Every structure is written in structure tokens, then in C-alpha cells.
Protein backbone atom coordinates (compact mmCIF):
# COMPACT_ATOMS: atom_id res chain seq x y z
CA GLN A 1 -6.27 17.40 -3.53
CA VAL A 2 -9.14 15.21 -4.31
CA GLN A 3 -10.32 11.67 -3.32
CA LEU A 4 -12.45 9.56 -5.90
CA VAL A 5 -14.80 6.86 -5.62
CA GLU A 6 -16.37 5.10 -8.45
CA THR A 7 -19.76 3.00 -8.29
CA GLY A 8 -22.43 1.83 -10.56
CA GLY A 9 -20.53 -0.81 -12.30
CA GLY A 10 -22.09 -4.45 -12.96
CA LEU A 11 -23.12 -6.90 -15.26
CA VAL A 12 -25.43 -5.97 -18.36
CA GLN A 13 -26.44 -7.35 -21.63
CA ALA A 14 -25.06 -6.21 -25.10
CA GLY A 15 -27.14 -3.24 -26.10
CA GLY A 16 -28.06 -2.30 -22.54
CA SER A 17 -26.89 0.80 -20.67
CA LEU A 18 -25.31 1.51 -17.45
CA ARG A 19 -24.36 4.63 -15.39
CA LEU A 20 -21.16 5.15 -13.67
CA PHE A 21 -20.85 7.57 -10.72
CA CYS A 22 -17.88 9.12 -9.39
CA ALA A 23 -18.14 10.86 -6.11
CA ALA A 24 -15.20 13.20 -5.04
CA SER A 25 -14.23 14.79 -1.67
CA GLY A 26 -12.00 17.90 -1.38
CA ARG A 27 -12.73 21.65 -1.79
CA THR A 28 -10.97 21.96 -5.13
CA PHE A 29 -13.28 19.61 -7.21
CA SER A 30 -14.64 22.36 -9.61
CA ASN A 31 -10.77 23.21 -10.26
CA HIS A 32 -9.93 19.84 -12.07
CA VAL A 33 -10.37 18.47 -15.28
CA LEU A 34 -11.86 14.96 -14.79
CA ALA A 35 -11.95 11.93 -16.95
CA TRP A 36 -12.96 8.19 -17.37
CA PHE A 37 -10.52 5.78 -18.24
CA ARG A 38 -11.15 1.80 -18.58
CA GLN A 39 -8.63 -0.95 -18.56
CA ALA A 40 -9.19 -4.73 -19.89
CA PRO A 41 -7.13 -7.35 -19.22
CA GLY A 42 -3.85 -7.43 -20.86
CA LYS A 43 -4.34 -4.04 -22.23
CA GLU A 44 -3.17 -0.33 -21.63
CA ARG A 45 -5.35 1.90 -19.58
CA GLU A 46 -7.32 4.01 -22.22
CA LEU A 47 -8.98 7.50 -22.15
CA LEU A 48 -12.63 7.27 -22.83
CA THR A 49 -13.70 10.84 -22.20
CA ALA A 50 -12.94 13.97 -20.22
CA ILE A 51 -14.49 17.10 -19.20
CA LYS A 52 -13.47 20.45 -18.49
CA ARG A 53 -13.72 22.44 -15.27
CA SER A 54 -17.33 24.14 -15.95
CA GLY A 55 -18.40 21.07 -17.91
CA SER A 56 -19.12 23.05 -21.10
CA GLU A 57 -16.39 21.12 -23.08
CA THR A 58 -15.99 17.59 -23.38
CA TYR A 59 -13.68 15.00 -25.12
CA TYR A 60 -14.51 11.60 -26.37
CA ALA A 61 -12.46 8.82 -27.77
CA ASP A 62 -13.55 7.44 -31.18
CA SER A 63 -14.52 3.98 -29.37
CA VAL A 64 -17.23 5.59 -27.37
CA LYS A 65 -18.14 8.63 -29.29
CA GLY A 66 -21.92 8.65 -29.67
CA ARG A 67 -22.49 6.16 -27.08
CA PHE A 68 -21.05 7.48 -23.93
CA THR A 69 -21.91 10.72 -22.24
CA ILE A 70 -19.78 12.46 -19.53
CA SER A 71 -21.12 15.12 -17.19
CA ARG A 72 -20.35 16.74 -13.96
CA ASP A 73 -22.18 18.43 -11.17
CA ASN A 74 -19.76 20.81 -9.37
CA ALA A 75 -22.31 21.50 -6.65
CA LYS A 76 -22.45 17.84 -5.75
CA ASN A 77 -18.74 16.88 -6.37
CA MET A 78 -19.95 14.30 -8.70
CA VAL A 79 -18.91 12.87 -12.22
CA TYR A 80 -21.12 10.58 -14.29
CA LEU A 81 -20.45 8.63 -17.26
CA GLN A 82 -23.56 7.50 -19.13
CA MET A 83 -23.12 4.24 -21.21
CA ASN A 84 -25.65 3.13 -23.81
CA SER A 85 -25.30 0.39 -26.47
CA LEU A 86 -22.78 -1.35 -24.79
CA LYS A 87 -20.68 -3.97 -26.43
CA PRO A 88 -18.85 -6.88 -25.04
CA GLU A 89 -15.67 -5.09 -25.99
CA ASP A 90 -16.70 -2.52 -23.52
CA THR A 91 -15.91 -5.09 -20.53
CA ALA A 92 -13.24 -3.48 -18.40
CA VAL A 93 -12.15 -1.97 -14.98
CA TYR A 94 -13.43 1.69 -15.27
CA TYR A 95 -11.54 4.49 -13.44
CA CYS A 96 -12.59 8.04 -12.68
CA ALA A 97 -9.54 10.35 -12.80
CA ALA A 98 -8.73 13.92 -12.27
CA ARG A 99 -5.74 16.29 -13.36
CA SER A 100 -4.09 18.56 -10.92
CA VAL A 101 -5.58 22.01 -10.78
CA TYR A 102 -2.69 23.44 -12.44
CA TYR A 103 -3.83 22.16 -15.86
CA SER A 104 -6.91 23.43 -17.64
CA ASP A 105 -6.85 21.29 -20.80
CA TYR A 106 -7.37 17.62 -21.33
CA GLY A 107 -4.88 15.03 -20.70
CA LYS A 108 -4.75 12.26 -23.22
CA ILE A 109 -2.69 9.74 -21.40
CA ARG A 110 -2.98 7.96 -17.79
CA TYR A 111 0.19 10.06 -16.54
CA ASP A 112 -1.52 13.41 -17.19
CA TYR A 113 -3.75 12.51 -14.28
CA ALA A 114 -2.77 12.90 -10.71
CA TYR A 115 -5.64 11.32 -8.82
CA TRP A 116 -7.39 8.29 -9.30
CA GLY A 117 -10.40 6.09 -8.00
CA GLN A 118 -10.26 2.36 -7.23
CA GLY A 119 -12.04 1.48 -10.44
CA THR A 120 -15.45 -0.25 -10.92
CA GLN A 121 -16.01 -3.35 -13.07
CA VAL A 122 -18.11 -3.51 -16.07
CA THR A 123 -18.82 -6.57 -17.73
CA VAL A 124 -21.14 -6.73 -20.80
CA SER A 125 -22.22 -10.30 -22.02
CA SER A 126 -22.96 -11.16 -25.39
């Protein structure tokens, strides 16, 4: 089992950058596929990016490819989301998520992930 806490959200102007942090507790961190999702008001929670256990393989949704970068540090139990060239449409609550240790591949929908943080608000002004 793993507990997740996101930090780093805030208000930024369009074109700016933010880095989100997700700190995990638990001894199984390195065994979890991790991901970042976001949810805007009135919209479904969407997968942005995911990273496999070793950090060597990543997945990005088309909406963030080339702008966002996911990384992880298994020694520190941390996962990061570097967000560049932010747009007003990136405004949402951002969530860190982890799959059960029994799964080694990415999950593409929210129900593929067993563990969630509380979310952090990102607001991009135009």
C-alpha cells in the first residue's frame, strides 16, 4: 500500500512553468506504476502521463506531449511533473496516482489506479 501527497500547484501565467511534486509513503513505492491525472470542473478525470517502475518508460497524452515531463526518484519515494508552456486550458486539479503492485503496465483510465493523492490546484491565467 502507498499513500500519496501532491504539492506544487498554484497560479501561473500562460506560457509559464510549474513543477508538481508527489511524495509517497510506504515500502512498495518502486513496485508501483505511477501517473498524473487532472480534472477540470465539469469534466472527466483524464490521464496525462504515466511512468513504469524503473522510470525508463513513460507515456504521455497528446494534450501534454512535448510540454509536460514525468519523472520519479525511487530512492526518495517521489514522482514529479514538470509542466512547461502552460495554457489556460491546463487549469484543473492535478492528481498523483499509483497502480496496484500486481500491474506492471500503464493504466489508461482512472479505475486502473488504486491509490490517489488529494489533488493540487493549478490555475493558468491568460
